[in-house]
Amino acid sequence: MTGGTRPTGEKLRLAAIASIWVATAVLGLKLAAYWQTGSAALYSDALESIVNLVTALVALYAIHIAHQPADRRHQFGHHKAEYFSSVLEGVLIVVAALLILHEAYDALRSARTLTHLAAGLGLNAAATLLNAGWCAFLISWGRRQRSPALVADGWHLLTDVATSVGVLAGLGLAVLTGWHILDPLLAAFVALNIVWAGWRLVRESVGGLMDEAVAGEVAYRIRQVIAANAEGAIEAHDVRTRRAGHVTFIEFHLVVPGAMTVAASHAICDRLEAALAEAVPGGQVLIHVEPEKEAKRRVHPAL
């Protein structure tokens, strides 16, 4: 038996479209900052924003696919499509890091004169503030909507914000001290930082593709809900979970008395499905009803 709800795909699409506009605005500001100064560090920051724009476009497509209804060839839906977006984003981050390291190496080999630093830093600061506000929204709202693509986009932007702050502080120090070698060193630091972010995104997304179970606190909540709503049954056992994008699949065996009617056991299942759907947004529930001879222990209600 199945039950559960899914978040509104249209809201996720609008958020993904907004991410594209934000990424475009931030990219424009950061490119302007680089053209003003010729700084390798600001170039690295702008290059990361190009990745942001590309991945925002990929995330929009992934969300569109993930919310398509189940069809003959994909009978369990398309929920995992968002994980592919996250994996691609991680790979693109690593590619961007390699390009940044190349630029930093060139800057170390041939000293560059930085110009119009005040204007460049001001433009970069404006882009950083815009990114900070948007990434906070994406992470919090994406988690509530159970969208791996939006959360991944938010975490990437947070990394971008952190590195931008480091770049701004480092270039400010370079201006005060005259140590312009800080510029390529900062670019190399940005590259190493986003490599770590890319690895984290890939690792988390692969976990979803491999049908990783829900986190411990969610598993505990599921078991508590089952125990509180299994009145009339003998026990529930073999609770299993897996995540697929914004959907959590919950499966377990429910043991009922042998004399219980189908209608009565169905009523218990309906109650459990409704309670789990409320406790775990996006939950899809599958319950295997069994006679009492299948019980593993004589406790009511039990898990």
C-alpha atoms as a PDB file:
ATOM      1  CA  MET A   1       0.000   0.000   0.000  1.00  0.00           C
ATOM      2  CA  THR A   2       1.310   3.444  -0.775  1.00  0.00           C
ATOM      3  CA  GLY A   3       0.823   6.984   0.373  1.00  0.00           C
ATOM      4  CA  GLY A   4       2.550  10.335   0.804  1.00  0.00           C
ATOM      5  CA  THR A   5       2.848  13.739  -0.774  1.00  0.00           C
ATOM      6  CA  ARG A   6       5.393  15.573  -2.886  1.00  0.00           C
ATOM      7  CA  PRO A   7       6.458  19.227  -2.886  1.00  0.00           C
ATOM      8  CA  THR A   8       5.160  21.584  -5.567  1.00  0.00           C
ATOM      9  CA  GLY A   9       7.487  21.320  -8.542  1.00  0.00           C
ATOM     10  CA  GLU A  10       6.511  24.752  -9.811  1.00  0.00           C
ATOM     11  CA  LYS A  11       7.910  26.443  -6.687  1.00  0.00           C
ATOM     12  CA  LEU A  12      11.215  24.624  -7.131  1.00  0.00           C
ATOM     13  CA  ARG A  13      11.365  25.646 -10.783  1.00  0.00           C
ATOM     14  CA  LEU A  14      10.793  29.303  -9.868  1.00  0.00           C
ATOM     15  CA  ALA A  15      13.605  29.110  -7.294  1.00  0.00           C
ATOM     16  CA  ALA A  16      15.917  27.562  -9.890  1.00  0.00           C
ATOM     17  CA  ILE A  17      15.039  30.303 -12.401  1.00  0.00           C
ATOM     18  CA  ALA A  18      15.732  32.946  -9.752  1.00  0.00           C
ATOM     19  CA  SER A  19      19.124  31.284  -9.140  1.00  0.00           C
ATOM     20  CA  ILE A  20      19.966  31.778 -12.805  1.00  0.00           C
ATOM     21  CA  TRP A  21      19.208  35.515 -12.598  1.00  0.00           C
ATOM     22  CA  VAL A  22      21.180  35.890  -9.362  1.00  0.00           C
ATOM     23  CA  ALA A  23      24.147  33.968 -10.814  1.00  0.00           C
ATOM     24  CA  THR A  24      24.077  36.178 -13.923  1.00  0.00           C
ATOM     25  CA  ALA A  25      24.080  39.377 -11.847  1.00  0.00           C
ATOM     26  CA  VAL A  26      26.892  38.136  -9.584  1.00  0.00           C
ATOM     27  CA  LEU A  27      28.954  37.028 -12.590  1.00  0.00           C
ATOM     28  CA  GLY A  28      28.592  40.459 -14.187  1.00  0.00           C
ATOM     29  CA  LEU A  29      29.762  42.224 -11.032  1.00  0.00           C
ATOM     30  CA  LYS A  30      32.740  39.905 -10.545  1.00  0.00           C
ATOM     31  CA  LEU A  31      33.860  40.117 -14.165  1.00  0.00           C
ATOM     32  CA  ALA A  32      33.693  43.909 -13.908  1.00  0.00           C
ATOM     33  CA  ALA A  33      35.850  43.708 -10.760  1.00  0.00           C
ATOM     34  CA  TYR A  34      38.430  41.564 -12.582  1.00  0.00           C
ATOM     35  CA  TRP A  35      38.529  43.852 -15.639  1.00  0.00           C
ATOM     36  CA  GLN A  36      39.046  46.844 -13.363  1.00  0.00           C
ATOM     37  CA  THR A  37      41.976  45.323 -11.473  1.00  0.00           C
ATOM     38  CA  GLY A  38      43.585  42.477 -13.475  1.00  0.00           C
ATOM     39  CA  SER A  39      43.703  40.512 -10.216  1.00  0.00           C
ATOM     40  CA  ALA A  40      44.183  36.733 -10.437  1.00  0.00           C
ATOM     41  CA  ALA A  41      42.253  36.333  -7.201  1.00  0.00           C
ATOM     42  CA  LEU A  42      39.272  38.266  -8.561  1.00  0.00           C
ATOM     43  CA  TYR A  43      39.551  36.273 -11.792  1.00  0.00           C
ATOM     44  CA  SER A  44      39.260  33.071  -9.770  1.00  0.00           C
ATOM     45  CA  ASP A  45      36.184  34.437  -8.023  1.00  0.00           C
ATOM     46  CA  ALA A  46      34.596  35.347 -11.373  1.00  0.00           C
ATOM     47  CA  LEU A  47      35.398  31.926 -12.821  1.00  0.00           C
ATOM     48  CA  GLU A  48      33.634  30.237  -9.944  1.00  0.00           C
ATOM     49  CA  SER A  49      30.575  32.383 -10.704  1.00  0.00           C
ATOM     50  CA  ILE A  50      30.574  31.062 -14.282  1.00  0.00           C
ATOM     51  CA  VAL A  51      30.314  27.585 -12.754  1.00  0.00           C
ATOM     52  CA  ASN A  52      27.449  28.874 -10.582  1.00  0.00           C
ATOM     53  CA  LEU A  53      25.556  30.021 -13.660  1.00  0.00           C
ATOM     54  CA  VAL A  54      26.090  26.758 -15.550  1.00  0.00           C
ATOM     55  CA  THR A  55      25.022  24.636 -12.585  1.00  0.00           C
ATOM     56  CA  ALA A  56      21.957  26.823 -11.982  1.00  0.00           C
ATOM     57  CA  LEU A  57      20.891  26.037 -15.551  1.00  0.00           C
ATOM     58  CA  VAL A  58      21.557  22.323 -14.990  1.00  0.00           C
ATOM     59  CA  ALA A  59      19.644  22.405 -11.690  1.00  0.00           C
ATOM     60  CA  LEU A  60      16.603  23.912 -13.428  1.00  0.00           C
ATOM     61  CA  TYR A  61      16.590  21.096 -15.978  1.00  0.00           C
ATOM     62  CA  ALA A  62      17.126  18.445 -13.290  1.00  0.00           C
ATOM     63  CA  ILE A  63      14.226  19.789 -11.205  1.00  0.00           C
ATOM     64  CA  HIS A  64      12.012  19.788 -14.298  1.00  0.00           C
ATOM     65  CA  ILE A  65      12.842  16.126 -14.968  1.00  0.00           C
ATOM     66  CA  ALA A  66      12.584  15.082 -11.312  1.00  0.00           C
ATOM     67  CA  HIS A  67       9.001  16.327 -11.075  1.00  0.00           C
ATOM     68  CA  GLN A  68       7.733  14.572 -14.172  1.00  0.00           C
ATOM     69  CA  PRO A  69       5.080  11.966 -13.315  1.00  0.00           C
ATOM     70  CA  ALA A  70       5.940   8.286 -13.380  1.00  0.00           C
ATOM     71  CA  ASP A  71       5.659   6.667 -16.792  1.00  0.00           C
ATOM     72  CA  ARG A  72       5.899   3.200 -18.322  1.00  0.00           C
ATOM     73  CA  ARG A  73       9.704   3.226 -18.405  1.00  0.00           C
ATOM     74  CA  HIS A  74      10.147   4.998 -15.027  1.00  0.00           C
ATOM     75  CA  GLN A  75       7.407   3.507 -12.913  1.00  0.00           C
ATOM     76  CA  PHE A  76       8.843   4.792  -9.622  1.00  0.00           C
ATOM     77  CA  GLY A  77       9.180   8.351 -10.936  1.00  0.00           C
ATOM     78  CA  HIS A  78      12.181  10.493 -11.864  1.00  0.00           C
ATOM     79  CA  HIS A  79      13.159  11.628  -8.364  1.00  0.00           C
ATOM     80  CA  LYS A  80      16.870  10.856  -8.693  1.00  0.00           C
ATOM     81  CA  ALA A  81      17.412  13.262 -11.578  1.00  0.00           C
ATOM     82  CA  GLU A  82      18.480  16.010  -9.145  1.00  0.00           C
ATOM     83  CA  TYR A  83      21.392  13.919  -7.907  1.00  0.00           C
ATOM     84  CA  PHE A  84      22.903  13.935 -11.394  1.00  0.00           C
ATOM     85  CA  SER A  85      22.778  17.737 -11.285  1.00  0.00           C
ATOM     86  CA  SER A  86      24.681  17.718  -7.993  1.00  0.00           C
ATOM     87  CA  VAL A  87      27.329  15.312  -9.325  1.00  0.00           C
ATOM     88  CA  LEU A  88      27.808  17.461 -12.420  1.00  0.00           C
ATOM     89  CA  GLU A  89      28.139  20.551 -10.252  1.00  0.00           C
ATOM     90  CA  GLY A  90      30.863  18.870  -8.218  1.00  0.00           C
ATOM     91  CA  VAL A  91      32.765  17.918 -11.362  1.00  0.00           C
ATOM     92  CA  LEU A  92      32.485  21.450 -12.783  1.00  0.00           C
ATOM     93  CA  ILE A  93      33.783  22.885  -9.528  1.00  0.00           C
ATOM     94  CA  VAL A  94      36.912  20.742  -9.809  1.00  0.00           C
ATOM     95  CA  VAL A  95      37.401  21.841 -13.454  1.00  0.00           C
ATOM     96  CA  ALA A  96      37.080  25.485 -12.379  1.00  0.00           C
ATOM     97  CA  ALA A  97      39.667  24.882  -9.648  1.00  0.00           C
ATOM     98  CA  LEU A  98      42.171  23.578 -12.211  1.00  0.00           C
ATOM     99  CA  LEU A  99      41.661  26.669 -14.375  1.00  0.00           C
ATOM    100  CA  ILE A 100      42.150  28.920 -11.352  1.00  0.00           C
ATOM    101  CA  LEU A 101      45.376  27.141 -10.420  1.00  0.00           C
ATOM    102  CA  HIS A 102      46.636  27.710 -13.956  1.00  0.00           C
ATOM    103  CA  GLU A 103      45.871  31.429 -13.695  1.00  0.00           C
ATOM    104  CA  ALA A 104      47.537  31.632 -10.271  1.00  0.00           C
ATOM    105  CA  TYR A 105      50.665  29.927 -11.644  1.00  0.00           C
ATOM    106  CA  ASP A 106      50.866  32.424 -14.513  1.00  0.00           C
ATOM    107  CA  ALA A 107      50.492  35.306 -12.064  1.00  0.00           C
ATOM    108  CA  LEU A 108      53.306  33.921  -9.907  1.00  0.00           C
ATOM    109  CA  ARG A 109      55.622  33.560 -12.899  1.00  0.00           C
ATOM    110  CA  SER A 110      55.064  37.100 -14.159  1.00  0.00           C
ATOM    111  CA  ALA A 111      54.336  39.866 -11.669  1.00  0.00           C
ATOM    112  CA  ARG A 112      51.192  41.871 -12.388  1.00  0.00           C
ATOM    113  CA  THR A 113      50.370  45.451 -11.508  1.00  0.00           C
ATOM    114  CA  LEU A 114      46.979  45.682  -9.866  1.00  0.00           C
ATOM    115  CA  THR A 115      44.921  48.744 -10.810  1.00  0.00           C
ATOM    116  CA  HIS A 116      41.701  50.384  -9.566  1.00  0.00           C
ATOM    117  CA  LEU A 117      41.602  48.051  -6.590  1.00  0.00           C
ATOM    118  CA  ALA A 118      39.110  50.147  -4.624  1.00  0.00           C
ATOM    119  CA  ALA A 119      36.519  50.009  -7.415  1.00  0.00           C
ATOM    120  CA  GLY A 120      37.177  46.324  -8.040  1.00  0.00           C
ATOM    121  CA  LEU A 121      36.854  45.408  -4.381  1.00  0.00           C
ATOM    122  CA  GLY A 122      33.631  47.394  -4.120  1.00  0.00           C
ATOM    123  CA  LEU A 123      32.077  45.531  -7.050  1.00  0.00           C
ATOM    124  CA  ASN A 124      33.187  42.203  -5.632  1.00  0.00           C
ATOM    125  CA  ALA A 125      31.776  43.073  -2.206  1.00  0.00           C
ATOM    126  CA  ALA A 126      28.381  43.870  -3.762  1.00  0.00           C
ATOM    127  CA  ALA A 127      28.401  40.509  -5.554  1.00  0.00           C
ATOM    128  CA  THR A 128      29.349  38.742  -2.320  1.00  0.00           C
ATOM    129  CA  LEU A 129      26.446  40.290  -0.392  1.00  0.00           C
ATOM    130  CA  LEU A 130      24.000  39.266  -3.118  1.00  0.00           C
ATOM    131  CA  ASN A 131      25.378  35.721  -3.093  1.00  0.00           C
ATOM    132  CA  ALA A 132      25.230  35.492   0.705  1.00  0.00           C
ATOM    133  CA  GLY A 133      21.563  36.378   0.873  1.00  0.00           C
ATOM    134  CA  TRP A 134      20.597  34.011  -1.913  1.00  0.00           C
ATOM    135  CA  CYS A 135      22.610  31.023  -0.675  1.00  0.00           C
ATOM    136  CA  ALA A 136      21.023  31.325   2.794  1.00  0.00           C
ATOM    137  CA  PHE A 137      17.595  31.170   1.154  1.00  0.00           C
ATOM    138  CA  LEU A 138      18.487  28.212  -1.085  1.00  0.00           C
ATOM    139  CA  ILE A 139      19.884  26.061   1.725  1.00  0.00           C
ATOM    140  CA  SER A 140      17.028  26.648   4.183  1.00  0.00           C
ATOM    141  CA  TRP A 141      14.172  26.578   1.665  1.00  0.00           C
ATOM    142  CA  GLY A 142      15.704  23.774  -0.419  1.00  0.00           C
ATOM    143  CA  ARG A 143      15.923  21.582   2.686  1.00  0.00           C
ATOM    144  CA  ARG A 144      12.289  22.242   3.548  1.00  0.00           C
ATOM    145  CA  GLN A 145      11.303  21.281  -0.001  1.00  0.00           C
ATOM    146  CA  ARG A 146      13.684  18.275   0.007  1.00  0.00           C
ATOM    147  CA  SER A 147      15.437  19.372  -3.184  1.00  0.00           C
ATOM    148  CA  PRO A 148      19.054  18.108  -3.445  1.00  0.00           C
ATOM    149  CA  ALA A 149      19.686  20.297  -6.508  1.00  0.00           C
ATOM    150  CA  LEU A 150      18.761  23.542  -4.725  1.00  0.00           C
ATOM    151  CA  VAL A 151      20.575  22.598  -1.513  1.00  0.00           C
ATOM    152  CA  ALA A 152      23.698  21.690  -3.519  1.00  0.00           C
ATOM    153  CA  ASP A 153      23.451  25.012  -5.333  1.00  0.00           C
ATOM    154  CA  GLY A 154      23.132  26.790  -1.984  1.00  0.00           C
ATOM    155  CA  TRP A 155      26.175  25.060  -0.485  1.00  0.00           C
ATOM    156  CA  HIS A 156      28.212  25.890  -3.560  1.00  0.00           C
ATOM    157  CA  LEU A 157      27.203  29.542  -3.249  1.00  0.00           C
ATOM    158  CA  LEU A 158      28.140  29.474   0.436  1.00  0.00           C
ATOM    159  CA  THR A 159      31.600  28.266  -0.528  1.00  0.00           C
ATOM    160  CA  ASP A 160      31.730  31.065  -3.074  1.00  0.00           C
ATOM    161  CA  VAL A 161      30.786  33.583  -0.373  1.00  0.00           C
ATOM    162  CA  ALA A 162      33.466  32.280   1.993  1.00  0.00           C
ATOM    163  CA  THR A 163      36.175  32.437  -0.654  1.00  0.00           C
ATOM    164  CA  SER A 164      35.024  35.892  -1.777  1.00  0.00           C
ATOM    165  CA  VAL A 165      35.347  37.167   1.772  1.00  0.00           C
ATOM    166  CA  GLY A 166      38.851  35.682   1.918  1.00  0.00           C
ATOM    167  CA  VAL A 167      39.754  37.299  -1.402  1.00  0.00           C
ATOM    168  CA  LEU A 168      38.468  40.689  -0.279  1.00  0.00           C
ATOM    169  CA  ALA A 169      40.392  40.498   3.001  1.00  0.00           C
ATOM    170  CA  GLY A 170      43.570  39.282   1.304  1.00  0.00           C
ATOM    171  CA  LEU A 171      43.529  41.906  -1.420  1.00  0.00           C
ATOM    172  CA  GLY A 172      42.845  44.568   1.175  1.00  0.00           C
ATOM    173  CA  LEU A 173      45.945  43.366   2.995  1.00  0.00           C
ATOM    174  CA  ALA A 174      47.906  43.430  -0.292  1.00  0.00           C
ATOM    175  CA  VAL A 175      46.923  47.067  -0.792  1.00  0.00           C
ATOM    176  CA  LEU A 176      47.996  47.998   2.741  1.00  0.00           C
ATOM    177  CA  THR A 177      51.303  46.123   2.661  1.00  0.00           C
ATOM    178  CA  GLY A 178      52.239  46.265  -1.022  1.00  0.00           C
ATOM    179  CA  TRP A 179      52.677  42.476  -1.080  1.00  0.00           C
ATOM    180  CA  HIS A 180      51.070  41.820  -4.451  1.00  0.00           C
ATOM    181  CA  ILE A 181      52.232  38.208  -4.341  1.00  0.00           C
ATOM    182  CA  LEU A 182      49.201  37.687  -2.095  1.00  0.00           C
ATOM    183  CA  ASP A 183      47.032  37.942  -5.223  1.00  0.00           C
ATOM    184  CA  PRO A 184      48.070  34.636  -6.904  1.00  0.00           C
ATOM    185  CA  LEU A 185      48.381  32.946  -3.508  1.00  0.00           C
ATOM    186  CA  LEU A 186      44.781  33.867  -2.749  1.00  0.00           C
ATOM    187  CA  ALA A 187      43.718  32.503  -6.140  1.00  0.00           C
ATOM    188  CA  ALA A 188      45.395  29.182  -5.320  1.00  0.00           C
ATOM    189  CA  PHE A 189      43.630  29.146  -1.934  1.00  0.00           C
ATOM    190  CA  VAL A 190      40.263  29.676  -3.662  1.00  0.00           C
ATOM    191  CA  ALA A 191      41.002  26.765  -5.999  1.00  0.00           C
ATOM    192  CA  LEU A 192      41.828  24.355  -3.164  1.00  0.00           C
ATOM    193  CA  ASN A 193      38.768  25.458  -1.209  1.00  0.00           C
ATOM    194  CA  ILE A 194      36.338  24.796  -4.046  1.00  0.00           C
ATOM    195  CA  VAL A 195      37.925  21.408  -4.776  1.00  0.00           C
ATOM    196  CA  TRP A 196      36.835  20.399  -1.270  1.00  0.00           C
ATOM    197  CA  ALA A 197      33.328  21.743  -1.960  1.00  0.00           C
ATOM    198  CA  GLY A 198      33.149  19.763  -5.206  1.00  0.00           C
ATOM    199  CA  TRP A 199      34.216  16.550  -3.490  1.00  0.00           C
ATOM    200  CA  ARG A 200      31.583  17.017  -0.767  1.00  0.00           C
ATOM    201  CA  LEU A 201      28.790  17.516  -3.323  1.00  0.00           C
ATOM    202  CA  VAL A 202      29.799  14.443  -5.305  1.00  0.00           C
ATOM    203  CA  ARG A 203      30.031  12.310  -2.169  1.00  0.00           C
ATOM    204  CA  GLU A 204      26.569  13.336  -0.918  1.00  0.00           C
ATOM    205  CA  SER A 205      24.947  12.875  -4.324  1.00  0.00           C
ATOM    206  CA  VAL A 206      26.459   9.435  -4.831  1.00  0.00           C
ATOM    207  CA  GLY A 207      24.961   8.466  -1.474  1.00  0.00           C
ATOM    208  CA  GLY A 208      21.516   9.327  -2.843  1.00  0.00           C
ATOM    209  CA  LEU A 209      22.116   7.431  -6.075  1.00  0.00           C
ATOM    210  CA  MET A 210      23.146   4.391  -4.009  1.00  0.00           C
ATOM    211  CA  ASP A 211      19.807   4.392  -2.116  1.00  0.00           C
ATOM    212  CA  GLU A 212      21.339   5.564   1.141  1.00  0.00           C
ATOM    213  CA  ALA A 213      19.034   5.276   4.172  1.00  0.00           C
ATOM    214  CA  VAL A 214      17.680   8.357   5.932  1.00  0.00           C
ATOM    215  CA  ALA A 215      19.644  10.005   8.731  1.00  0.00           C
ATOM    216  CA  GLY A 216      19.466   8.503  12.214  1.00  0.00           C
ATOM    217  CA  GLU A 217      17.125  11.120  13.670  1.00  0.00           C
ATOM    218  CA  VAL A 218      14.682  10.695  10.763  1.00  0.00           C
ATOM    219  CA  ALA A 219      14.771   6.899  11.134  1.00  0.00           C
ATOM    220  CA  TYR A 220      14.012   7.267  14.836  1.00  0.00           C
ATOM    221  CA  ARG A 221      11.071   9.584  14.098  1.00  0.00           C
ATOM    222  CA  ILE A 222       9.687   7.082  11.589  1.00  0.00           C
ATOM    223  CA  ARG A 223       9.824   4.274  14.124  1.00  0.00           C
ATOM    224  CA  GLN A 224       8.159   6.423  16.770  1.00  0.00           C
ATOM    225  CA  VAL A 225       5.327   7.331  14.399  1.00  0.00           C
ATOM    226  CA  ILE A 226       4.762   3.684  13.480  1.00  0.00           C
ATOM    227  CA  ALA A 227       4.709   2.642  17.139  1.00  0.00           C
ATOM    228  CA  ALA A 228       2.229   5.388  18.021  1.00  0.00           C
ATOM    229  CA  ASN A 229      -0.182   4.583  15.189  1.00  0.00           C
ATOM    230  CA  ALA A 230      -0.099   0.779  14.945  1.00  0.00           C
ATOM    231  CA  GLU A 231      -2.961   0.116  17.364  1.00  0.00           C
ATOM    232  CA  GLY A 232      -4.702  -3.139  16.437  1.00  0.00           C
ATOM    233  CA  ALA A 233      -1.581  -4.694  14.928  1.00  0.00           C
ATOM    234  CA  ILE A 234       0.721  -7.133  16.685  1.00  0.00           C
ATOM    235  CA  GLU A 235       4.012  -5.655  15.506  1.00  0.00           C
ATOM    236  CA  ALA A 236       5.876  -3.891  12.744  1.00  0.00           C
ATOM    237  CA  HIS A 237       9.319  -5.066  11.700  1.00  0.00           C
ATOM    238  CA  ASP A 238      11.968  -4.849   8.964  1.00  0.00           C
ATOM    239  CA  VAL A 239      11.629  -1.079   8.589  1.00  0.00           C
ATOM    240  CA  ARG A 240      13.695   0.067   5.603  1.00  0.00           C
ATOM    241  CA  THR A 241      14.190   3.519   4.098  1.00  0.00           C
ATOM    242  CA  ARG A 242      15.898   5.140   1.139  1.00  0.00           C
ATOM    243  CA  ARG A 243      16.112   8.655  -0.267  1.00  0.00           C
ATOM    244  CA  ALA A 244      15.502   9.684  -3.864  1.00  0.00           C
ATOM    245  CA  GLY A 245      15.629  13.442  -4.279  1.00  0.00           C
ATOM    246  CA  HIS A 246      12.764  15.058  -2.384  1.00  0.00           C
ATOM    247  CA  VAL A 247      11.082  11.678  -1.773  1.00  0.00           C
ATOM    248  CA  THR A 248      11.705   9.322   1.160  1.00  0.00           C
ATOM    249  CA  PHE A 249      10.654   5.723   0.575  1.00  0.00           C
ATOM    250  CA  ILE A 250       9.541   3.893   3.727  1.00  0.00           C
ATOM    251  CA  GLU A 251       8.858   0.170   3.715  1.00  0.00           C
ATOM    252  CA  PHE A 252       8.014  -2.231   6.547  1.00  0.00           C
ATOM    253  CA  HIS A 253       6.082  -5.378   7.470  1.00  0.00           C
ATOM    254  CA  LEU A 254       2.951  -5.063   9.609  1.00  0.00           C
ATOM    255  CA  VAL A 255       1.813  -8.185  11.471  1.00  0.00           C
ATOM    256  CA  VAL A 256      -1.924  -8.357  12.274  1.00  0.00           C
ATOM    257  CA  PRO A 257      -4.090 -11.015  13.996  1.00  0.00           C
ATOM    258  CA  GLY A 258      -4.989 -13.875  11.674  1.00  0.00           C
ATOM    259  CA  ALA A 259      -8.720 -13.330  12.250  1.00  0.00           C
ATOM    260  CA  MET A 260      -8.596  -9.630  11.338  1.00  0.00           C
ATOM    261  CA  THR A 261     -10.533  -8.671   8.222  1.00  0.00           C
ATOM    262  CA  VAL A 262      -8.909  -7.096   5.190  1.00  0.00           C
ATOM    263  CA  ALA A 263     -10.931  -3.925   5.807  1.00  0.00           C
ATOM    264  CA  ALA A 264      -9.659  -3.626   9.391  1.00  0.00           C
ATOM    265  CA  SER A 265      -6.006  -4.133   8.409  1.00  0.00           C
ATOM    266  CA  HIS A 266      -6.461  -1.629   5.590  1.00  0.00           C
ATOM    267  CA  ALA A 267      -7.727   0.949   8.089  1.00  0.00           C
ATOM    268  CA  ILE A 268      -4.581   0.515  10.199  1.00  0.00           C
ATOM    269  CA  CYS A 269      -2.421   0.957   7.094  1.00  0.00           C
ATOM    270  CA  ASP A 270      -4.300   4.122   6.116  1.00  0.00           C
ATOM    271  CA  ARG A 271      -3.712   5.545   9.591  1.00  0.00           C
ATOM    272  CA  LEU A 272      -0.012   4.733   9.447  1.00  0.00           C
ATOM    273  CA  GLU A 273       0.394   6.195   5.960  1.00  0.00           C
ATOM    274  CA  ALA A 274      -1.292   9.453   6.941  1.00  0.00           C
ATOM    275  CA  ALA A 275       0.820   9.803  10.091  1.00  0.00           C
ATOM    276  CA  LEU A 276       4.076   9.080   8.235  1.00  0.00           C
ATOM    277  CA  ALA A 277       3.192  11.492   5.422  1.00  0.00           C
ATOM    278  CA  GLU A 278       2.733  14.237   8.019  1.00  0.00           C
ATOM    279  CA  ALA A 279       5.928  13.389   9.926  1.00  0.00           C
ATOM    280  CA  VAL A 280       8.148  12.879   6.855  1.00  0.00           C
ATOM    281  CA  PRO A 281       7.344  15.328   4.024  1.00  0.00           C
ATOM    282  CA  GLY A 282       7.608  13.624   0.658  1.00  0.00           C
ATOM    283  CA  GLY A 283       7.211  10.177   2.211  1.00  0.00           C
ATOM    284  CA  GLN A 284       6.136   7.255   0.030  1.00  0.00           C
ATOM    285  CA  VAL A 285       5.008   4.314   2.193  1.00  0.00           C
ATOM    286  CA  LEU A 286       4.845   0.620   1.316  1.00  0.00           C
ATOM    287  CA  ILE A 287       3.374  -1.710   3.961  1.00  0.00           C
ATOM    288  CA  HIS A 288       3.449  -5.519   3.718  1.00  0.00           C
ATOM    289  CA  VAL A 289       0.587  -6.934   5.811  1.00  0.00           C
ATOM    290  CA  GLU A 290       1.304 -10.370   7.324  1.00  0.00           C
ATOM    291  CA  PRO A 291      -0.585 -12.842   9.578  1.00  0.00           C
ATOM    292  CA  GLU A 292       0.420 -13.255  13.204  1.00  0.00           C
ATOM    293  CA  LYS A 293       2.478 -16.393  12.553  1.00  0.00           C
ATOM    294  CA  GLU A 294       5.048 -14.088  10.881  1.00  0.00           C
ATOM    295  CA  ALA A 295       5.582 -12.111  14.104  1.00  0.00           C
ATOM    296  CA  LYS A 296       9.184 -11.884  15.273  1.00  0.00           C
ATOM    297  CA  ARG A 297       8.289 -10.996  18.845  1.00  0.00           C
ATOM    298  CA  ARG A 298       5.087 -10.715  20.863  1.00  0.00           C
ATOM    299  CA  VAL A 299       5.012  -7.064  21.781  1.00  0.00           C
ATOM    300  CA  HIS A 300       2.378  -4.445  20.887  1.00  0.00           C
ATOM    301  CA  PRO A 301       3.066  -2.188  19.147  1.00  0.00           C
ATOM    302  CA  ALA A 302       6.609  -3.258  18.321  1.00  0.00           C
ATOM    303  CA  LEU A 303       9.371  -2.333  15.899  1.00  0.00           C
END
